Amino acid sequence: MSLPLVSPLPSNANDKVAELATFFNETLGFCPNSVLTMQHRPAIATAFIQLNKAVMNNQGRVTSALKRLIGYVSSSKTGCQYCQAHTILAAERYGATTEQLAYICQYSTHPAFSAAERAALDFAVAASTAPNAVNSDFLSKLTQLTLFNIQEMTLKPFARLRHLKISECSTKELSRICSELPMLKSLDVCLQGDSITMLDISQLSALTQLRLKIDGWKNKSLLTNLVKDFLPHLVQLKHFELESDLWNSMDDGTRWANLTKSLVTFNFKFKIRFLLKNLNSFRTPFWLEEKQWFVVYFNGDLCTIPRFAPVKYNTNGQSFDMSNLSSNTILHQHITELTVLTEIFHPNQYFPNIEILKMNCSVRMERMFNAISLNNIKHLILSSSSSMAMVLLILPVMPLLDELTIAGRLVPVLIEHLQDNIIEQIRTLNLHFCYFEKESITKMLCQYFPRIKYLNVSLINSTNDIILFIQQLPYLVNASFGMNSLLKKEKEKNCKRLKMTIDKKYSCQIVHSSNQNTFSFVHIWLTDDVSFITRFLDLKEYIYINFSNLYCHSSKQYNDMFKKI
């Protein structure tokens, strides 16, 4: 094999490049020689890595797996076998199905690929074969499109477009959509920014489904005109959804009934600080019998249910009295997160679908069984000393429970109540606002929760505790720790110490606060857990530290959050 004309530099030749290059270490398992060679000009290496990170950062619906499949078909067309090898392996690691991997060369006809995936792969093939072959012909074939915004985009090529969704849209841009895409059948837009008083949405005469989310503060007059003047002219419209943060005048069920007679479904959510009228106008036969559309006023929101039914509830005085329902059963069924603040439940309350239960007090088990189904609870949060007394009683009757959060300086109280019992069902343990004063506490937690996979500790005493957790939790996948003793000037020393001490199967990253505090986050993850680190590399953008009110998300919660991006 011939030697390179310019030899790569060692991976530690430049500290800044080396830190950025962990992106490749975790996605490919190694840092490519091309990047090591670029270190001769560190600015080039830095720019190249940042470009790769930007491309692979998931900002929309294109998944990490699809990006690697796009890389594979592109490399196939350009003849790069090296890139074909690592992109197809990366696609597998990021979750591409077995069928997709086996039939990637037949993506245009094989059922393992959706129409959207075929369009993306077609685009990649054309761009790789002849970049100037990518023209408006591709756009003219689209019937469904999802965009973040359109800004100055030309809409005329989208002649066959029938379904459009835009995350951010100004009223001027919406006006352009109405005039240039009159054959749309469904439109989903979030209106923001500039305000105009008139918008002729009636040009969309073929529209059958409309979903609008509007900034009411900037477009108050537009809201009124939209409903009064244009909604009646959308004669094909069958499904309408409207959401606004300001609409104090729209709590009139009679007015809505006159405007929505021809609709099959109608959903709304209005932020109304003061309900000017009661809900009697929503209790007519039109609402309850003919349409069976139900509404509730709760926590300042007037909304239809079940579409916008509240999912969070607390037992301290909250009620669903303001609704047109004869019973609150349907509302209770949609609550998935319940905070228990009182020892006594309302006699007619029963919550069958709770997944997150926060206990701020102790409740007799008989009352718990009468008010809550414990069969679906996945996450238990204990935030008071009295609630700790329930731990051994409540854990065995929650078959799906795998996440436990202890809030406050209550870890010693928890250990006291566990009474040497081993809790094997917990996979995620979050310790918020906790401070470890003794190493023995760390050892006991490892003993009592031996199957932890995800660990978060908001404030830990020393790196010794971190190492102890890693050594004594054999199933640990990733963990996050808050520390106030890792000064920025000591970053390199602490990183080296942790990396030397920690098992080689783990990787380590330290993220410092951007303010004057000396607080740091230490993140540990399995080197093979690629799905975690690729969502975690830009973590600095998502961490906001208020040292007086510290809250650190668990690694698993960050994982879930980044999946939505």
Protein backbone atom coordinates (compact mmCIF):
# COMPACT_ATOMS: atom_id res chain seq x y z
CA MET A 1 0.00 0.00 0.00
CA SER A 2 1.40 3.39 -0.97
CA LEU A 3 2.12 5.96 1.70
CA PRO A 4 0.09 9.19 1.81
CA LEU A 5 1.67 12.28 0.31
CA VAL A 6 0.76 14.22 3.46
CA SER A 7 0.85 12.11 6.62
CA PRO A 8 -1.93 12.37 9.23
CA LEU A 9 -1.05 13.98 12.53
CA PRO A 10 -1.67 12.22 15.87
CA SER A 11 -5.23 12.49 17.15
CA ASN A 12 -4.11 14.73 20.04
CA ALA A 13 -2.11 17.17 17.91
CA ASN A 14 -4.67 19.93 18.41
CA ASP A 15 -6.84 20.07 21.55
CA LYS A 16 -9.78 21.85 19.90
CA VAL A 17 -9.84 19.50 16.92
CA ALA A 18 -9.44 16.48 19.19
CA GLU A 19 -12.48 17.51 21.23
CA LEU A 20 -14.61 18.07 18.14
CA ALA A 21 -13.39 14.82 16.58
CA THR A 22 -15.17 12.81 19.29
CA PHE A 23 -18.12 13.21 16.92
CA PHE A 24 -16.43 10.72 14.56
CA ASN A 25 -15.21 8.48 17.36
CA GLU A 26 -18.79 7.88 18.43
CA THR A 27 -20.46 7.70 14.99
CA LEU A 28 -17.78 5.72 13.12
CA GLY A 29 -15.79 4.25 15.99
CA PHE A 30 -12.65 6.08 14.85
CA CYS A 31 -11.46 9.42 13.57
CA PRO A 32 -10.84 9.26 9.78
CA ASN A 33 -7.31 9.85 8.52
CA SER A 34 -8.65 12.64 6.33
CA VAL A 35 -9.58 14.62 9.45
CA LEU A 36 -6.26 13.82 11.11
CA THR A 37 -4.51 15.09 7.98
CA MET A 38 -6.57 18.29 8.01
CA GLN A 39 -5.03 19.08 11.39
CA HIS A 40 -2.08 20.53 9.49
CA ARG A 41 -4.54 23.43 9.06
CA PRO A 42 -6.66 23.26 12.23
CA ALA A 43 -9.20 25.76 10.90
CA ILE A 44 -9.96 23.42 7.98
CA ALA A 45 -10.36 20.42 10.30
CA THR A 46 -12.63 22.41 12.61
CA ALA A 47 -14.80 23.65 9.74
CA PHE A 48 -15.05 20.16 8.26
CA ILE A 49 -16.14 18.60 11.55
CA GLN A 50 -18.68 21.35 12.20
CA LEU A 51 -20.08 20.80 8.69
CA ASN A 52 -20.50 17.08 9.40
CA LYS A 53 -22.17 17.78 12.73
CA ALA A 54 -24.56 20.27 11.14
CA VAL A 55 -25.53 17.81 8.41
CA MET A 56 -26.09 14.96 10.85
CA ASN A 57 -27.95 17.06 13.43
CA ASN A 58 -31.61 16.04 13.18
CA GLN A 59 -33.68 19.19 12.78
CA GLY A 60 -36.66 17.64 11.03
CA ARG A 61 -38.16 14.36 9.87
CA VAL A 62 -35.06 12.96 8.15
CA THR A 63 -33.80 10.34 10.58
CA SER A 64 -30.20 9.41 11.32
CA ALA A 65 -30.76 6.05 9.59
CA LEU A 66 -32.13 7.64 6.42
CA LYS A 67 -29.20 10.07 6.29
CA ARG A 68 -26.82 7.10 6.27
CA LEU A 69 -28.86 5.36 3.56
CA ILE A 70 -28.69 8.57 1.53
CA GLY A 71 -24.92 8.49 2.04
CA TYR A 72 -24.83 4.89 0.83
CA VAL A 73 -26.73 5.44 -2.45
CA SER A 74 -24.71 8.59 -3.08
CA SER A 75 -21.44 6.72 -2.51
CA SER A 76 -22.65 3.91 -4.78
CA LYS A 77 -23.15 6.36 -7.63
CA THR A 78 -19.77 8.02 -7.12
CA GLY A 79 -18.00 4.66 -6.77
CA CYS A 80 -16.54 5.11 -3.29
CA GLN A 81 -16.47 1.62 -1.75
CA TYR A 82 -14.94 2.91 1.48
CA CYS A 83 -17.91 5.23 2.08
CA GLN A 84 -20.37 2.53 1.02
CA ALA A 85 -18.97 0.24 3.71
CA HIS A 86 -19.14 2.64 6.64
CA THR A 87 -22.46 4.28 5.65
CA ILE A 88 -24.33 0.98 5.36
CA LEU A 89 -22.91 -0.16 8.72
CA ALA A 90 -23.84 3.19 10.25
CA ALA A 91 -27.37 2.88 8.82
CA GLU A 92 -27.72 -0.44 10.64
CA ARG A 93 -26.41 1.02 13.89
CA TYR A 94 -28.84 3.94 13.66
CA GLY A 95 -31.92 1.75 13.23
CA ALA A 96 -32.47 1.05 9.52
CA THR A 97 -34.59 -2.09 9.15
CA THR A 98 -33.15 -5.38 7.92
CA GLU A 99 -35.29 -5.15 4.78
CA GLN A 100 -34.07 -1.64 4.01
CA LEU A 101 -30.45 -2.75 4.34
CA ALA A 102 -31.02 -5.79 2.13
CA TYR A 103 -32.98 -3.98 -0.60
CA ILE A 104 -31.41 -0.52 -0.60
CA CYS A 105 -30.44 -0.97 -4.26
CA GLN A 106 -34.12 -1.60 -5.09
CA TYR A 107 -35.45 1.25 -2.95
CA SER A 108 -37.51 2.73 -5.79
CA THR A 109 -39.85 -0.30 -5.89
CA HIS A 110 -39.44 -2.20 -2.61
CA PRO A 111 -42.23 -1.76 0.00
CA ALA A 112 -39.68 -1.34 2.82
CA PHE A 113 -39.29 2.27 1.69
CA SER A 114 -41.97 4.94 2.00
CA ALA A 115 -42.78 7.43 -0.73
CA ALA A 116 -40.97 10.15 1.23
CA GLU A 117 -37.85 7.99 1.59
CA ARG A 118 -37.89 7.19 -2.13
CA ALA A 119 -38.10 10.89 -2.96
CA ALA A 120 -35.10 11.65 -0.72
CA LEU A 121 -33.05 8.81 -2.20
CA ASP A 122 -34.00 9.82 -5.76
CA PHE A 123 -32.83 13.32 -4.97
CA ALA A 124 -29.51 11.98 -3.62
CA VAL A 125 -28.94 9.81 -6.70
CA ALA A 126 -29.58 12.72 -9.05
CA ALA A 127 -27.35 15.08 -7.07
CA SER A 128 -24.53 12.51 -6.97
CA THR A 129 -24.77 11.61 -10.66
CA ALA A 130 -25.06 15.11 -12.08
CA PRO A 131 -25.71 17.96 -9.62
CA ASN A 132 -27.31 20.15 -12.28
CA ALA A 133 -29.81 17.35 -12.92
CA VAL A 134 -31.55 18.35 -9.70
CA ASN A 135 -34.16 20.75 -11.00
CA SER A 136 -37.78 21.70 -10.53
CA ASP A 137 -38.92 18.42 -12.10
CA PHE A 138 -38.41 16.80 -8.69
CA LEU A 139 -40.58 19.41 -7.04
CA SER A 140 -43.36 19.01 -9.59
CA LYS A 141 -43.75 15.35 -8.59
CA LEU A 142 -44.40 16.12 -4.92
CA THR A 143 -47.94 15.79 -3.59
CA GLN A 144 -47.09 16.16 0.11
CA LEU A 145 -44.54 18.51 1.68
CA THR A 146 -43.44 19.40 5.21
CA LEU A 147 -41.24 22.49 5.68
CA PHE A 148 -39.90 24.54 8.56
CA ASN A 149 -40.59 27.74 6.60
CA ILE A 150 -40.89 28.91 2.99
CA GLN A 151 -39.39 32.43 3.22
CA GLU A 152 -38.51 33.38 -0.39
CA MET A 153 -39.07 29.91 -1.82
CA THR A 154 -40.74 29.81 -5.23
CA LEU A 155 -44.01 27.89 -5.01
CA LYS A 156 -44.88 27.63 -8.70
CA PRO A 157 -42.95 24.34 -9.28
CA PHE A 158 -45.20 22.57 -6.75
CA ALA A 159 -48.02 22.16 -9.24
CA ARG A 160 -49.15 18.74 -7.93
CA LEU A 161 -48.84 19.59 -4.24
CA ARG A 162 -52.00 18.71 -2.32
CA HIS A 163 -50.85 18.52 1.31
CA LEU A 164 -48.65 21.19 2.93
CA LYS A 165 -47.37 21.61 6.49
CA ILE A 166 -45.24 24.59 7.59
CA SER A 167 -43.84 25.01 11.10
CA GLU A 168 -43.28 28.78 10.87
CA CYS A 169 -45.20 30.94 8.42
CA SER A 170 -45.84 34.67 8.22
CA THR A 171 -49.22 36.00 7.13
CA LYS A 172 -47.62 37.38 3.97
CA GLU A 173 -46.27 33.94 3.14
CA LEU A 174 -49.67 32.39 3.81
CA SER A 175 -51.20 34.90 1.44
CA ARG A 176 -48.74 33.70 -1.20
CA ILE A 177 -49.70 30.09 -0.55
CA CYS A 178 -53.37 30.93 -1.02
CA SER A 179 -52.76 32.57 -4.39
CA GLU A 180 -50.12 30.19 -5.79
CA LEU A 181 -51.33 26.81 -4.48
CA PRO A 182 -55.12 26.99 -4.86
CA MET A 183 -55.48 23.20 -5.31
CA LEU A 184 -54.29 22.29 -1.82
CA LYS A 185 -56.50 19.77 -0.05
CA SER A 186 -54.90 20.03 3.39
CA LEU A 187 -52.98 22.86 5.01
CA ASP A 188 -51.26 22.90 8.41
CA VAL A 189 -49.52 26.17 9.34
CA CYS A 190 -48.28 28.00 12.41
CA LEU A 191 -48.69 31.74 11.81
CA GLN A 192 -46.02 33.95 13.37
CA GLY A 193 -44.34 37.27 12.86
CA ASP A 194 -45.79 40.17 10.90
CA SER A 195 -49.41 41.21 11.20
CA ILE A 196 -51.86 41.96 8.41
CA THR A 197 -55.55 42.69 8.78
CA MET A 198 -56.83 40.92 5.66
CA LEU A 199 -56.10 37.46 4.29
CA ASP A 200 -58.22 35.90 1.55
CA ILE A 201 -57.94 32.26 2.52
CA SER A 202 -61.13 31.54 0.54
CA GLN A 203 -58.92 31.12 -2.55
CA LEU A 204 -58.18 27.64 -1.23
CA SER A 205 -61.55 26.43 -2.48
CA ALA A 206 -60.42 22.78 -2.72
CA LEU A 207 -59.34 22.65 0.93
CA THR A 208 -60.90 19.81 2.93
CA GLN A 209 -58.65 19.98 6.00
CA LEU A 210 -57.28 23.12 7.67
CA ARG A 211 -55.16 23.40 10.80
CA LEU A 212 -54.10 26.85 11.98
CA LYS A 213 -52.02 27.88 14.97
CA ILE A 214 -52.01 31.66 15.28
CA ASP A 215 -50.13 34.21 17.37
CA GLY A 216 -53.22 36.05 18.56
CA TRP A 217 -51.33 38.98 20.06
CA LYS A 218 -49.99 40.02 16.66
CA ASN A 219 -52.92 38.88 14.53
CA LYS A 220 -56.01 39.67 16.59
CA SER A 221 -57.89 41.36 13.73
CA LEU A 222 -56.88 38.57 11.35
CA LEU A 223 -58.47 36.00 13.65
CA THR A 224 -61.79 37.81 13.59
CA ASN A 225 -61.75 38.29 9.80
CA LEU A 226 -60.69 34.71 9.18
CA VAL A 227 -63.64 33.25 11.04
CA LYS A 228 -66.26 35.80 10.06
CA ASP A 229 -65.45 36.39 6.38
CA PHE A 230 -63.54 33.44 4.95
CA LEU A 231 -64.47 30.27 6.83
CA PRO A 232 -68.01 30.19 5.33
CA HIS A 233 -66.52 30.32 1.80
CA LEU A 234 -64.42 27.18 2.21
CA VAL A 235 -67.27 25.01 0.96
CA GLN A 236 -65.20 21.81 0.71
CA LEU A 237 -63.80 22.11 4.24
CA LYS A 238 -64.70 19.17 6.47
CA HIS A 239 -62.02 19.20 9.16
CA PHE A 240 -60.94 22.40 10.93
CA GLU A 241 -58.58 22.95 13.85
CA LEU A 242 -57.75 26.34 15.32
CA GLU A 243 -55.30 27.16 18.11
CA SER A 244 -54.53 30.62 19.47
CA ASP A 245 -52.98 32.16 22.56
CA LEU A 246 -55.41 35.09 22.59
CA TRP A 247 -59.11 35.01 21.82
CA ASN A 248 -61.16 36.37 24.67
CA SER A 249 -64.23 36.95 22.50
CA MET A 250 -64.64 33.41 21.17
CA ASP A 251 -66.33 31.64 24.06
CA ASP A 252 -69.70 31.82 22.28
CA GLY A 253 -70.92 28.35 21.35
CA THR A 254 -73.88 29.71 19.37
CA ARG A 255 -71.62 31.68 17.05
CA TRP A 256 -69.38 28.69 16.48
CA ALA A 257 -72.39 26.49 15.77
CA ASN A 258 -73.49 28.81 12.96
CA LEU A 259 -70.02 28.75 11.40
CA THR A 260 -69.29 25.04 11.64
CA LYS A 261 -72.54 23.34 10.61
CA SER A 262 -70.98 21.69 7.55
CA LEU A 263 -67.88 20.38 9.35
CA VAL A 264 -67.29 16.76 10.30
CA THR A 265 -64.67 17.60 12.93
CA PHE A 266 -63.94 20.89 14.66
CA ASN A 267 -61.25 21.31 17.29
CA PHE A 268 -59.97 24.43 18.99
CA LYS A 269 -57.79 25.58 21.84
CA PHE A 270 -57.95 29.21 22.98
CA LYS A 271 -55.96 30.82 25.76
CA ILE A 272 -58.66 32.78 27.60
CA ARG A 273 -57.63 34.51 30.79
CA PHE A 274 -61.18 35.29 31.88
CA LEU A 275 -64.14 33.31 30.60
CA LEU A 276 -66.69 36.03 29.76
CA LYS A 277 -69.61 33.64 29.55
CA ASN A 278 -70.51 30.32 31.07
CA LEU A 279 -70.54 27.24 28.87
CA ASN A 280 -74.32 27.00 28.43
CA SER A 281 -73.99 27.95 24.76
CA PHE A 282 -71.94 24.76 24.31
CA ARG A 283 -74.61 22.61 25.98
CA THR A 284 -77.15 22.76 23.14
CA PRO A 285 -78.33 19.73 21.10
CA PHE A 286 -76.04 20.88 18.27
CA TRP A 287 -72.94 20.34 20.42
CA LEU A 288 -74.00 17.41 22.56
CA GLU A 289 -76.21 15.34 20.24
CA GLU A 290 -75.78 16.29 16.58
CA LYS A 291 -72.00 16.84 16.55
CA GLN A 292 -71.00 15.33 19.89
CA TRP A 293 -68.31 17.96 20.28
CA PHE A 294 -67.24 18.41 23.89
CA VAL A 295 -65.38 21.34 25.45
CA VAL A 296 -63.73 22.16 28.75
CA TYR A 297 -62.29 25.30 30.36
CA PHE A 298 -59.23 24.30 32.38
CA ASN A 299 -56.15 26.25 33.53
CA GLY A 300 -57.00 29.20 31.28
CA ASP A 301 -57.61 27.11 28.16
CA LEU A 302 -60.96 26.71 26.44
CA CYS A 303 -60.58 23.63 24.27
CA THR A 304 -62.27 20.69 22.62
CA ILE A 305 -61.77 17.21 23.94
CA PRO A 306 -60.38 14.67 23.48
CA ARG A 307 -58.14 16.47 20.93
CA PHE A 308 -56.79 19.00 23.46
CA ALA A 309 -57.72 17.19 26.65
CA PRO A 310 -55.36 18.06 29.54
CA VAL A 311 -52.83 15.35 30.32
CA LYS A 312 -51.52 16.81 33.60
CA TYR A 313 -53.51 17.22 36.79
CA ASN A 314 -52.95 17.81 40.49
CA THR A 315 -55.27 16.99 43.37
CA ASN A 316 -54.98 20.36 45.08
CA GLY A 317 -58.20 22.07 44.04
CA GLN A 318 -58.04 21.59 40.27
CA SER A 319 -61.39 20.61 38.78
CA PHE A 320 -63.13 20.05 35.46
CA ASP A 321 -66.37 21.74 36.52
CA MET A 322 -66.37 24.07 33.51
CA SER A 323 -67.29 21.67 30.70
CA ASN A 324 -70.30 20.54 28.68
CA LEU A 325 -69.79 16.92 29.72
CA SER A 326 -72.30 15.10 31.86
CA SER A 327 -69.42 13.22 33.47
CA ASN A 328 -65.70 13.91 33.83
CA THR A 329 -64.77 10.31 33.10
CA ILE A 330 -63.38 11.08 29.64
CA LEU A 331 -61.21 13.84 31.11
CA HIS A 332 -59.85 11.57 33.82
CA GLN A 333 -59.07 8.95 31.17
CA HIS A 334 -56.73 11.35 29.34
CA ILE A 335 -54.68 12.32 32.39
CA THR A 336 -51.28 10.62 32.16
CA GLU A 337 -49.33 12.70 34.70
CA LEU A 338 -50.78 13.13 38.19
CA THR A 339 -49.40 15.10 41.14
CA VAL A 340 -50.83 14.03 44.49
CA LEU A 341 -50.83 16.99 46.88
CA THR A 342 -53.59 15.93 49.28
CA GLU A 343 -54.33 12.77 51.21
CA ILE A 344 -57.99 12.68 50.12
CA PHE A 345 -59.29 12.33 46.55
CA HIS A 346 -62.63 13.55 45.23
CA PRO A 347 -65.10 10.63 45.52
CA ASN A 348 -65.88 10.67 41.77
CA GLN A 349 -62.27 10.80 40.64
CA TYR A 350 -60.63 7.77 39.07
CA PHE A 351 -57.53 7.99 36.87
CA PRO A 352 -57.04 4.78 34.85
CA ASN A 353 -54.13 5.78 32.58
CA ILE A 354 -51.52 7.44 34.79
CA GLU A 355 -47.96 6.92 33.55
CA ILE A 356 -46.15 9.50 35.70
CA LEU A 357 -47.11 9.76 39.37
CA LYS A 358 -45.65 12.44 41.63
CA MET A 359 -46.25 11.91 45.34
CA ASN A 360 -45.94 15.00 47.54
CA CYS A 361 -47.57 13.36 50.54
CA SER A 362 -48.39 9.98 51.98
CA VAL A 363 -51.72 8.39 51.03
CA ARG A 364 -53.32 5.25 52.40
CA MET A 365 -53.02 2.42 49.89
CA GLU A 366 -56.77 1.78 49.98
CA ARG A 367 -57.42 5.35 48.83
CA MET A 368 -54.76 5.02 46.16
CA PHE A 369 -56.38 1.91 44.70
CA ASN A 370 -59.79 3.60 44.68
CA ALA A 371 -58.54 6.67 42.80
CA ILE A 372 -55.66 5.53 40.58
CA SER A 373 -54.89 2.51 38.45
CA LEU A 374 -51.29 1.66 39.25
CA ASN A 375 -50.92 -0.81 36.39
CA ASN A 376 -49.67 1.73 33.80
CA ILE A 377 -47.32 3.82 35.94
CA LYS A 378 -43.82 3.94 34.45
CA HIS A 379 -42.28 6.82 36.40
CA LEU A 380 -42.66 7.47 40.13
CA ILE A 381 -41.53 10.78 41.65
CA LEU A 382 -41.19 11.03 45.43
CA SER A 383 -40.68 14.57 46.71
CA SER A 384 -41.49 14.54 50.43
CA SER A 385 -40.36 12.65 53.50
CA SER A 386 -43.87 11.34 54.09
CA SER A 387 -44.10 9.91 50.58
CA MET A 388 -40.92 7.90 51.21
CA ALA A 389 -42.81 5.82 53.74
CA MET A 390 -44.90 4.39 50.88
CA VAL A 391 -42.00 3.17 48.76
CA LEU A 392 -42.00 -0.51 49.76
CA LEU A 393 -45.80 -0.69 49.60
CA ILE A 394 -46.20 1.02 46.26
CA LEU A 395 -43.37 -0.46 44.16
CA PRO A 396 -44.65 -4.07 44.07
CA VAL A 397 -48.08 -3.00 42.73
CA MET A 398 -46.65 -1.06 39.76
CA PRO A 399 -45.71 -3.77 37.23
CA LEU A 400 -44.53 -1.34 34.51
CA LEU A 401 -42.56 0.98 36.77
CA ASP A 402 -38.96 1.35 35.63
CA GLU A 403 -38.07 4.96 36.50
CA LEU A 404 -37.75 6.50 39.96
CA THR A 405 -37.06 10.13 40.81
CA ILE A 406 -36.13 11.34 44.28
CA ALA A 407 -36.43 15.12 44.66
CA GLY A 408 -34.83 16.99 47.54
CA ARG A 409 -32.32 15.92 50.15
CA LEU A 410 -34.21 12.70 50.68
CA VAL A 411 -31.78 9.96 49.63
CA PRO A 412 -30.90 9.07 53.25
CA VAL A 413 -34.63 8.90 54.03
CA LEU A 414 -35.15 6.60 51.04
CA ILE A 415 -32.31 4.32 52.13
CA GLU A 416 -33.78 4.14 55.63
CA HIS A 417 -37.18 3.06 54.31
CA LEU A 418 -35.77 0.51 51.87
CA GLN A 419 -34.60 -1.58 54.83
CA ASP A 420 -32.03 -3.52 52.78
CA ASN A 421 -34.63 -4.52 50.16
CA ILE A 422 -33.25 -4.94 46.62
CA ILE A 423 -35.28 -3.09 43.96
CA GLU A 424 -34.56 -4.76 40.62
CA GLN A 425 -37.37 -3.25 38.52
CA ILE A 426 -35.89 0.26 38.37
CA ARG A 427 -33.86 0.98 35.22
CA THR A 428 -33.71 4.80 35.45
CA LEU A 429 -32.82 6.58 38.69
CA ASN A 430 -32.95 10.39 38.96
CA LEU A 431 -31.69 12.10 42.10
CA HIS A 432 -32.58 15.81 41.90
CA PHE A 433 -31.40 18.46 44.35
CA CYS A 434 -29.54 15.73 46.20
CA TYR A 435 -26.09 16.08 47.69
CA PHE A 436 -23.94 13.06 48.55
CA GLU A 437 -22.19 13.71 51.84
CA LYS A 438 -20.92 10.17 52.35
CA GLU A 439 -19.46 7.60 49.99
CA SER A 440 -21.47 4.95 51.83
CA ILE A 441 -24.67 6.42 50.33
CA THR A 442 -23.34 5.75 46.85
CA LYS A 443 -22.50 2.16 47.75
CA MET A 444 -25.95 1.55 49.25
CA LEU A 445 -27.72 2.97 46.20
CA CYS A 446 -25.74 0.62 43.97
CA GLN A 447 -26.67 -2.24 46.27
CA TYR A 448 -30.39 -1.41 46.41
CA PHE A 449 -30.78 -0.59 42.69
CA PRO A 450 -28.46 -3.08 40.97
CA ARG A 451 -30.06 -2.97 37.49
CA ILE A 452 -29.85 0.76 36.80
CA LYS A 453 -29.21 1.57 33.12
CA TYR A 454 -29.74 5.36 33.20
CA LEU A 455 -28.56 7.46 36.12
CA ASN A 456 -28.83 11.17 36.84
CA VAL A 457 -27.47 12.88 39.94
CA SER A 458 -27.90 16.64 40.01
CA LEU A 459 -25.12 17.28 42.54
CA ILE A 460 -22.42 14.80 43.45
CA ASN A 461 -19.54 15.20 45.87
CA SER A 462 -16.52 13.98 43.91
CA THR A 463 -15.26 12.03 40.94
CA ASN A 464 -14.75 9.12 43.33
CA ASP A 465 -18.53 8.77 43.59
CA ILE A 466 -18.82 8.81 39.80
CA ILE A 467 -16.25 6.05 39.47
CA LEU A 468 -17.95 4.06 42.22
CA PHE A 469 -21.30 4.20 40.41
CA ILE A 470 -19.71 3.04 37.17
CA GLN A 471 -17.81 0.21 38.80
CA GLN A 472 -20.74 -1.13 40.84
CA LEU A 473 -23.61 -0.75 38.33
CA PRO A 474 -22.89 -3.47 35.75
CA TYR A 475 -25.89 -2.58 33.53
CA LEU A 476 -25.19 1.16 33.32
CA VAL A 477 -25.61 2.58 29.79
CA ASN A 478 -25.23 6.31 30.44
CA ALA A 479 -25.19 8.73 33.34
CA SER A 480 -25.13 12.45 34.07
CA PHE A 481 -23.67 14.08 37.18
CA GLY A 482 -23.63 17.68 38.38
CA MET A 483 -20.52 18.88 40.16
CA ASN A 484 -19.37 22.24 41.48
CA SER A 485 -15.73 21.28 41.97
CA LEU A 486 -14.53 20.89 38.36
CA LEU A 487 -13.00 24.28 37.62
CA LYS A 488 -12.53 25.12 33.95
CA LYS A 489 -8.78 25.37 34.35
CA GLU A 490 -8.80 21.81 35.72
CA LYS A 491 -10.92 20.40 32.90
CA GLU A 492 -8.13 18.56 31.09
CA LYS A 493 -6.76 17.09 34.32
CA ASN A 494 -10.18 15.84 35.44
CA CYS A 495 -10.99 14.44 32.00
CA LYS A 496 -7.73 12.50 31.91
CA ARG A 497 -8.25 11.20 35.43
CA LEU A 498 -11.76 10.02 34.69
CA LYS A 499 -10.78 8.42 31.39
CA MET A 500 -7.85 6.63 32.99
CA THR A 501 -9.99 5.30 35.82
CA ILE A 502 -13.20 4.48 33.97
CA ASP A 503 -13.59 1.20 32.13
CA LYS A 504 -12.63 1.62 28.46
CA LYS A 505 -16.13 0.67 27.33
CA TYR A 506 -17.31 4.10 28.58
CA SER A 507 -16.67 7.55 27.15
CA CYS A 508 -16.66 10.76 29.17
CA GLN A 509 -17.49 14.40 28.47
CA ILE A 510 -17.43 17.41 30.80
CA VAL A 511 -19.64 20.40 30.00
CA HIS A 512 -19.04 23.62 31.95
CA SER A 513 -21.56 26.35 32.70
CA SER A 514 -21.14 29.46 30.58
CA ASN A 515 -21.52 31.88 33.51
CA GLN A 516 -19.29 32.67 36.48
CA ASN A 517 -20.30 29.55 38.42
CA THR A 518 -17.88 26.65 38.66
CA PHE A 519 -20.65 24.16 38.08
CA SER A 520 -20.07 21.37 35.56
CA PHE A 521 -21.93 18.43 34.09
CA VAL A 522 -20.13 15.12 33.71
CA HIS A 523 -21.63 12.77 31.13
CA ILE A 524 -20.67 9.11 30.88
CA TRP A 525 -21.95 6.79 28.17
CA LEU A 526 -21.23 3.42 26.68
CA THR A 527 -18.96 3.97 23.70
CA ASP A 528 -21.17 1.69 21.58
CA ASP A 529 -24.33 3.63 22.48
CA VAL A 530 -24.21 5.72 19.29
CA SER A 531 -27.85 6.79 19.43
CA PHE A 532 -27.18 8.60 22.70
CA ILE A 533 -24.03 10.52 21.87
CA THR A 534 -25.15 11.79 18.46
CA ARG A 535 -28.02 13.56 20.18
CA PHE A 536 -25.75 14.68 22.97
CA LEU A 537 -22.85 16.35 21.18
CA ASP A 538 -24.56 19.73 21.00
CA LEU A 539 -25.75 19.51 24.60
CA LYS A 540 -24.31 22.91 25.54
CA GLU A 541 -27.10 24.57 23.57
CA TYR A 542 -29.73 22.84 25.70
CA ILE A 543 -28.30 23.33 29.17
CA TYR A 544 -29.45 26.35 31.11
CA ILE A 545 -27.98 26.58 34.57
CA ASN A 546 -29.41 28.70 37.33
CA PHE A 547 -27.15 27.81 40.20
CA SER A 548 -29.69 28.86 42.82
CA ASN A 549 -32.36 26.64 41.28
CA LEU A 550 -30.44 23.79 39.71
CA TYR A 551 -32.27 21.13 37.74
CA CYS A 552 -30.46 18.53 35.68
CA HIS A 553 -32.36 16.28 33.27
CA SER A 554 -31.57 12.60 33.25
CA SER A 555 -29.62 11.17 30.36
CA LYS A 556 -32.64 9.15 29.29
CA GLN A 557 -34.80 12.31 29.30
CA TYR A 558 -32.25 14.05 27.07
CA ASN A 559 -32.36 11.00 24.80
CA ASP A 560 -36.15 11.25 24.55
CA MET A 561 -35.98 15.00 23.99
CA PHE A 562 -33.50 14.77 21.14
CA LYS A 563 -35.60 12.10 19.40
CA LYS A 564 -38.22 14.79 18.82
CA ILE A 565 -35.84 17.12 17.11
